[in-house]
Protein backbone atom coordinates (compact mmCIF):
# COMPACT_ATOMS: atom_id res chain seq x y z
CA MET A 1 0.66 0.07 8.44
CA VAL A 2 3.19 1.20 5.84
CA LEU A 3 2.92 0.17 2.20
CA THR A 4 5.62 -2.40 1.39
CA ASP A 5 7.61 -2.55 -1.83
CA SER A 6 5.86 -5.75 -2.85
CA GLU A 7 2.45 -4.18 -2.24
CA ARG A 8 3.42 -1.14 -4.28
CA SER A 9 4.48 -3.38 -7.17
CA PHE A 10 1.29 -5.45 -6.96
CA PHE A 11 -0.98 -2.40 -6.97
CA ARG A 12 0.97 -0.79 -9.78
CA GLU A 13 0.55 -3.91 -11.89
CA CYS A 14 -3.10 -4.80 -11.18
CA ASP A 15 -4.29 -1.16 -11.00
CA PRO A 16 -7.35 -1.55 -8.74
CA TRP A 17 -10.19 0.94 -9.08
CA GLY A 18 -9.74 1.82 -5.41
CA PHE A 19 -8.69 0.65 -1.95
CA ILE A 20 -10.37 -0.11 1.37
CA LEU A 21 -8.84 0.39 4.83
CA PHE A 22 -9.45 -1.52 8.06
CA ALA A 23 -8.41 -1.00 11.66
CA ARG A 24 -5.30 -3.12 11.06
CA ASN A 25 -4.12 -0.46 8.58
CA ILE A 26 -4.60 2.47 10.93
CA ASP A 27 -2.53 3.89 13.78
CA THR A 28 -2.32 7.68 13.94
CA PRO A 29 -3.77 10.42 11.72
CA GLU A 30 -0.30 11.16 10.35
CA GLN A 31 0.38 7.50 9.53
CA THR A 32 -3.05 7.09 7.93
CA ARG A 33 -2.61 10.17 5.76
CA ALA A 34 0.80 8.93 4.61
CA LEU A 35 -0.73 5.55 3.77
CA THR A 36 -3.56 6.99 1.69
CA ASP A 37 -1.05 9.16 -0.18
CA ALA A 38 1.15 6.12 -0.82
CA LEU A 39 -1.78 4.04 -2.09
CA ARG A 40 -2.74 6.69 -4.61
CA GLU A 41 0.87 7.13 -5.63
CA SER A 42 1.14 3.40 -6.33
CA VAL A 43 -1.49 3.62 -9.07
CA GLY A 44 -0.60 7.12 -10.24
CA ARG A 45 -4.05 8.66 -9.83
CA ASP A 46 -6.54 9.98 -7.30
CA ALA A 47 -8.07 6.57 -6.64
CA PRO A 48 -10.99 6.33 -4.19
CA ILE A 49 -10.13 5.07 -0.72
CA LEU A 50 -12.95 3.39 1.16
CA ILE A 51 -13.60 2.63 4.80
CA ASP A 52 -16.42 1.26 6.98
CA GLN A 53 -17.03 4.07 9.44
CA GLU A 54 -20.63 3.71 10.54
CA GLY A 55 -19.93 4.24 14.23
CA GLY A 56 -20.81 1.81 16.99
CA ARG A 57 -19.71 -1.76 16.24
CA VAL A 58 -18.45 -0.86 12.79
CA ALA A 59 -15.76 1.78 13.14
CA ARG A 60 -12.18 1.66 11.89
CA LEU A 61 -11.12 5.08 13.25
CA ARG A 62 -11.40 4.99 17.03
CA PRO A 63 -10.24 6.87 20.11
CA PRO A 64 -7.84 8.22 21.21
CA HIS A 65 -7.15 9.83 17.84
CA TRP A 66 -10.74 9.97 16.61
CA ARG A 67 -14.13 10.44 18.17
CA GLY A 68 -15.91 7.39 19.61
CA TRP A 69 -19.29 7.29 17.88
CA GLY A 70 -22.22 5.33 19.31
CA ALA A 71 -24.48 3.00 17.33
CA ALA A 72 -26.41 4.59 14.47
CA LEU A 73 -29.74 3.36 15.80
CA ASP A 74 -29.18 5.22 19.09
CA THR A 75 -29.35 8.44 17.07
CA ALA A 76 -31.92 7.31 14.50
CA ALA A 77 -34.47 6.16 17.08
CA ALA A 78 -33.82 8.59 19.95
CA VAL A 79 -37.21 8.78 21.67
CA ASP A 80 -36.76 12.31 23.02
CA LEU A 81 -36.18 13.81 19.58
CA SER A 82 -38.68 14.54 16.85
CA GLU A 83 -38.11 12.82 13.51
CA ASP A 84 -36.83 16.10 12.06
CA GLU A 85 -34.32 16.35 14.92
CA ARG A 86 -33.21 12.74 14.47
CA CYS A 87 -32.52 13.38 10.81
CA GLU A 88 -30.70 16.60 11.65
CA ALA A 89 -28.56 14.72 14.15
CA LEU A 90 -27.78 11.97 11.62
CA ARG A 91 -26.80 14.48 8.96
CA LEU A 92 -24.53 16.29 11.43
CA ARG A 93 -23.06 13.01 12.70
CA TYR A 94 -22.03 11.87 9.23
CA ARG A 95 -20.91 15.35 8.23
CA LEU A 96 -18.51 15.20 11.18
CA ILE A 97 -17.47 11.61 10.43
CA GLY A 98 -16.86 12.67 6.84
CA ALA A 99 -14.58 15.47 8.01
CA GLU A 100 -12.55 12.98 10.05
CA LEU A 101 -12.21 10.75 7.00
CA ALA A 102 -11.31 13.53 4.59
CA ALA A 103 -8.59 14.77 6.93
CA VAL A 104 -6.70 11.49 6.50
CA GLY A 105 -7.31 11.12 2.77
CA VAL A 106 -10.29 8.74 2.90
CA ASP A 107 -12.96 9.91 0.46
CA THR A 108 -15.55 7.10 0.44
CA ASN A 109 -17.56 5.65 3.31
CA CYS A 110 -19.53 2.39 3.30
CA ALA A 111 -22.72 4.08 4.52
CA PRO A 112 -25.65 4.57 4.65
CA LEU A 113 -26.73 1.09 5.64
CA LEU A 114 -30.25 0.84 4.17
CA ASP A 115 -31.11 -2.59 5.55
CA ILE A 116 -34.36 -2.59 7.52
CA ARG A 117 -33.94 -3.89 11.05
CA ASN A 118 -35.95 -7.03 11.64
CA PRO A 119 -36.12 -7.86 15.37
CA GLY A 120 -36.37 -11.59 14.62
CA ALA A 121 -33.28 -11.68 12.42
CA HIS A 122 -29.60 -12.23 13.20
CA ASP A 123 -28.05 -9.26 14.99
CA ILE A 124 -25.39 -8.73 12.30
CA ILE A 125 -27.54 -5.73 11.32
CA GLY A 126 -29.20 -4.95 14.65
CA ASP A 127 -28.28 -1.50 15.97
CA ARG A 128 -26.42 -0.67 12.78
CA ALA A 129 -29.79 -0.14 11.11
CA LEU A 130 -31.58 3.19 10.81
CA GLY A 131 -35.04 1.83 11.55
CA GLU A 132 -37.57 -0.96 11.33
CA LYS A 133 -39.79 0.54 8.62
CA ALA A 134 -38.96 1.39 5.03
CA ASN A 135 -40.06 5.01 5.29
CA GLU A 136 -37.91 5.55 8.38
CA VAL A 137 -34.85 4.06 6.72
CA ILE A 138 -35.37 6.08 3.53
CA ARG A 139 -35.64 9.41 5.32
CA ARG A 140 -32.84 8.74 7.81
CA GLY A 141 -30.66 7.17 5.14
CA ARG A 142 -30.95 10.34 3.09
CA ALA A 143 -29.71 12.34 6.08
CA VAL A 144 -26.66 10.07 6.37
CA TYR A 145 -26.09 10.25 2.60
CA ASP A 146 -26.34 14.05 2.53
CA GLY A 147 -24.09 14.44 5.57
CA LEU A 148 -21.30 12.50 3.89
CA LEU A 149 -21.67 14.44 0.65
CA ASP A 150 -21.63 17.68 2.68
CA ALA A 151 -18.13 16.62 3.77
CA GLY A 152 -17.06 15.80 0.21
CA VAL A 153 -17.11 12.06 0.96
CA LEU A 154 -18.83 9.53 -1.31
CA PRO A 155 -21.56 7.38 0.27
CA ILE A 156 -22.02 3.68 -0.55
CA ILE A 157 -25.53 2.32 -0.08
CA LYS A 158 -25.55 -1.20 1.32
CA HIS A 159 -26.36 -4.11 1.30
CA ILE A 160 -28.42 -4.07 -1.86
CA PRO A 161 -31.17 -5.27 -2.18
CA GLY A 162 -31.52 -5.75 1.60
CA HIS A 163 -29.80 -7.65 4.43
CA GLY A 164 -32.29 -7.08 7.23
CA ARG A 165 -34.04 -10.48 7.10
CA SER A 166 -30.82 -12.48 7.34
CA MET A 167 -31.04 -15.27 9.91
CA CYS A 168 -27.27 -15.76 9.95
CA ASP A 169 -24.12 -13.68 9.54
CA SER A 170 -22.97 -13.71 5.90
CA HIS A 171 -19.40 -13.43 7.18
CA GLU A 172 -19.89 -17.00 8.43
CA ALA A 173 -22.61 -18.65 6.33
CA LEU A 174 -24.95 -18.08 3.39
CA PRO A 175 -28.30 -16.55 4.45
CA ARG A 176 -31.50 -17.37 2.59
CA VAL A 177 -34.65 -15.24 2.44
CA ASP A 178 -37.85 -17.01 1.39
CA VAL A 179 -40.50 -14.26 1.59
CA SER A 180 -42.49 -13.27 -1.49
CA MET A 181 -41.58 -10.62 -4.03
CA ASP A 182 -44.63 -8.60 -2.98
CA VAL A 183 -43.31 -8.41 0.58
CA LEU A 184 -39.75 -7.66 -0.50
CA ALA A 185 -40.90 -4.90 -2.86
CA GLU A 186 -42.81 -3.15 -0.07
CA THR A 187 -40.14 -3.58 2.59
CA ASP A 188 -36.47 -4.55 2.09
CA PHE A 189 -36.13 -3.39 -1.51
CA ARG A 190 -37.89 -0.03 -1.11
CA PRO A 191 -35.03 1.95 0.48
CA PHE A 192 -32.70 0.99 -2.36
CA ALA A 193 -35.21 2.02 -5.01
CA ALA A 194 -35.44 5.38 -3.22
CA PHE A 195 -31.67 5.80 -3.67
CA ALA A 196 -31.54 5.10 -7.40
CA ASP A 197 -29.40 8.24 -7.70
CA ALA A 198 -26.63 6.92 -5.42
CA PRO A 199 -23.11 6.86 -6.89
CA LEU A 200 -22.04 3.56 -5.29
CA ALA A 201 -23.77 0.43 -3.98
CA MET A 202 -22.60 -2.78 -2.30
CA THR A 203 -24.30 -6.11 -2.83
CA ALA A 204 -25.61 -8.55 -0.23
CA HIS A 205 -24.34 -12.13 -0.06
CA ILE A 206 -27.91 -13.36 0.47
CA VAL A 207 -30.12 -15.73 -1.52
CA TYR A 208 -33.52 -14.18 -2.31
CA GLU A 209 -35.50 -17.25 -3.29
CA ALA A 210 -38.25 -15.22 -4.96
CA LEU A 211 -35.70 -14.04 -7.55
CA ASP A 212 -33.03 -16.76 -7.62
CA ALA A 213 -33.18 -19.83 -5.42
CA GLU A 214 -29.62 -20.90 -6.25
CA ASN A 215 -27.36 -17.83 -6.18
CA CYS A 216 -26.82 -15.03 -3.68
CA ALA A 217 -27.36 -11.50 -4.95
CA THR A 218 -23.65 -10.91 -5.56
CA LEU A 219 -23.50 -13.88 -7.94
CA SER A 220 -27.00 -13.69 -9.40
CA PRO A 221 -27.69 -12.20 -12.85
CA ALA A 222 -31.41 -12.27 -11.98
CA VAL A 223 -30.99 -10.24 -8.78
CA ILE A 224 -28.66 -7.73 -10.39
CA GLU A 225 -31.04 -7.38 -13.35
CA HIS A 226 -33.76 -6.60 -10.80
CA ILE A 227 -31.52 -4.00 -9.15
CA ARG A 228 -30.88 -2.33 -12.50
CA ASP A 229 -34.23 -2.68 -14.28
CA VAL A 230 -36.80 -2.66 -11.47
CA LEU A 231 -35.16 -0.74 -8.64
CA LYS A 232 -33.51 1.50 -11.30
CA VAL A 233 -30.23 1.76 -9.37
CA ASP A 234 -27.48 2.94 -11.71
CA ALA A 235 -24.73 3.08 -9.08
CA LEU A 236 -21.32 1.55 -9.58
CA LEU A 237 -22.10 -1.85 -8.12
CA MET A 238 -19.45 -3.54 -6.00
CA SER A 239 -19.60 -6.93 -4.37
CA ASP A 240 -19.44 -7.28 -0.64
CA ASP A 241 -16.17 -8.83 0.51
CA LEU A 242 -15.30 -11.89 -1.60
CA SER A 243 -13.54 -13.51 1.37
CA MET A 244 -16.75 -13.86 3.42
CA HIS A 245 -17.84 -17.43 4.13
CA ALA A 246 -21.22 -16.93 2.48
CA LEU A 247 -19.30 -17.55 -0.74
CA ALA A 248 -17.54 -20.76 -1.71
CA GLY A 249 -15.04 -21.87 -4.31
CA PRO A 250 -11.68 -20.56 -5.54
CA PHE A 251 -11.24 -16.81 -5.49
CA ALA A 252 -10.78 -16.59 -9.25
CA GLU A 253 -14.15 -18.31 -9.64
CA ARG A 254 -15.84 -16.02 -7.12
CA THR A 255 -14.46 -13.03 -9.00
CA ALA A 256 -15.57 -14.22 -12.42
CA ARG A 257 -19.05 -15.13 -11.19
CA ALA A 258 -19.59 -11.74 -9.52
CA LEU A 259 -18.49 -9.85 -12.62
CA ASP A 260 -20.47 -12.11 -14.95
CA ALA A 261 -23.56 -11.59 -12.80
CA GLY A 262 -23.29 -7.83 -13.31
CA CYS A 263 -21.13 -6.41 -10.52
CA ASP A 264 -18.97 -3.60 -11.89
CA VAL A 265 -16.11 -4.21 -9.43
CA VAL A 266 -15.32 -6.70 -6.68
CA LEU A 267 -14.25 -6.04 -3.11
CA HIS A 268 -11.64 -8.01 -1.18
CA CYS A 269 -10.97 -7.10 2.42
CA ASN A 270 -8.77 -9.46 4.42
CA GLY A 271 -5.42 -8.46 2.88
CA ASP A 272 -4.37 -12.04 2.08
CA ALA A 273 -1.82 -11.68 -0.73
CA THR A 274 -2.48 -15.10 -2.25
CA GLU A 275 -6.20 -14.39 -2.48
CA MET A 276 -5.56 -10.95 -3.97
CA GLU A 277 -3.31 -12.42 -6.63
CA ALA A 278 -5.96 -14.98 -7.57
CA ILE A 279 -8.59 -12.26 -7.83
CA ALA A 280 -6.33 -10.01 -9.88
CA GLY A 281 -5.68 -12.85 -12.29
CA ALA A 282 -9.41 -13.18 -12.96
CA LEU A 283 -10.05 -9.49 -13.57
CA SER A 284 -10.60 -7.74 -16.88
CA PRO A 285 -10.75 -4.00 -17.62
CA MET A 286 -13.94 -2.24 -16.54
CA ASP A 287 -16.47 -2.11 -19.35
CA VAL A 288 -17.89 1.11 -20.76
CA GLN A 289 -20.88 1.21 -18.41
CA ALA A 290 -18.75 0.50 -15.35
CA GLN A 291 -16.32 3.23 -16.38
CA ARG A 292 -19.21 5.66 -16.81
CA ARG A 293 -20.62 4.81 -13.40
CA GLY A 294 -17.19 5.05 -11.79
CA ALA A 295 -16.47 8.42 -13.37
CA ARG A 296 -19.84 9.76 -12.26
CA ALA A 297 -19.14 8.66 -8.69
CA LEU A 298 -15.69 10.21 -8.56
CA ASP A 299 -17.04 13.48 -9.94
CA MET A 300 -19.22 13.73 -6.82
CA ARG A 301 -16.22 13.96 -4.50
CA GLY A 302 -15.46 17.44 -3.28
CA ALA A 303 -13.84 19.66 -0.71
CA ALA A 304 -15.94 20.86 2.22
CA ASP A 305 -15.87 24.25 3.89
CA ALA A 306 -17.83 24.54 7.12
CA ASP A 307 -17.55 25.62 10.73
CA GLU A 308 -17.01 22.18 12.23
CA ALA A 309 -16.97 23.52 15.78
CA ALA A 310 -20.45 24.92 15.27
CA LEU A 311 -21.66 21.69 13.70
CA LEU A 312 -20.29 19.67 16.61
CA ALA A 313 -21.84 22.02 19.16
CA ARG A 314 -25.27 21.61 17.57
CA TYR A 315 -24.82 17.83 17.37
CA GLU A 316 -23.93 17.68 21.07
CA VAL A 317 -27.07 19.64 21.94
CA LEU A 318 -29.16 17.08 20.05
CA ALA A 319 -27.22 14.18 21.60
CA LYS A 320 -27.84 15.49 25.11
CA GLN A 321 -31.51 16.06 24.36
CA GLY A 322 -31.83 12.64 22.77
CA GLY A 323 -29.92 10.83 25.46
CA PHE A 324 -27.45 9.11 23.16
CA TYR A 325 -23.68 9.02 23.13
CA ALA A 326 -22.36 11.99 21.20
């Protein structure tokens, strides 16, 4: 949970665009703040530091030092709230989560999750989703997105162009989706097109047979061309974790294929030094478009100034009314 000398040297040499933290990296607020400071010091700049802090099953900051947040869907689909109140609660929830992140030097959150929940699919998405219809996910996703930006924290839309139909967990195997483009355009892909203005996006390790029957989105020039030219998403595009079992082959090859397909940067999450070294050896400097997208994203970071006690009080009123865990 403290940056080692060898890690400092590695980061100084390979100069990653940013970092991502997991529960294994986190102990106390003081330790986490010292770690984020040390990571930025290792590259000599205010590099973005990412985390997955959705709440529910996907939360890296947990009690007793941080609030225990329930599943996103509990808030998004609370039956005793109006849709306006649900969106208000989501915006407040992620404004408060953003404040917790900013306090320890984390400025980027891997949310909102814009995957549409499909009750017949694998539960890897499940209650992490914001709804079962595109319009629901778009409206609620915007509340999550705005709440994070209210806190000065960058949102990452994921998993583009849609993970909700996956019949297996891409951490363990490669999912395939065989529905038509007409269906995908009206359902899974729609929320991402509605967030064409997002600063950052994360790809899905899923094969969409209507676009590319051989390669998952992360490794598919055809899918990434669709993301850019049809969905019009100009975000800095990062791969999902290269160490997930949906992908195969040496890590240098995975890296090269993701970048060649059109990802701007690649993400590696398990902390394995040998894998990181292989990935670093396959990297090249970000091209002009990736640099532009990255600079635009970082310019959207900011400092927040709000009465957090008042925000929390209002959120707890909505949580009580909605019957979900505050």
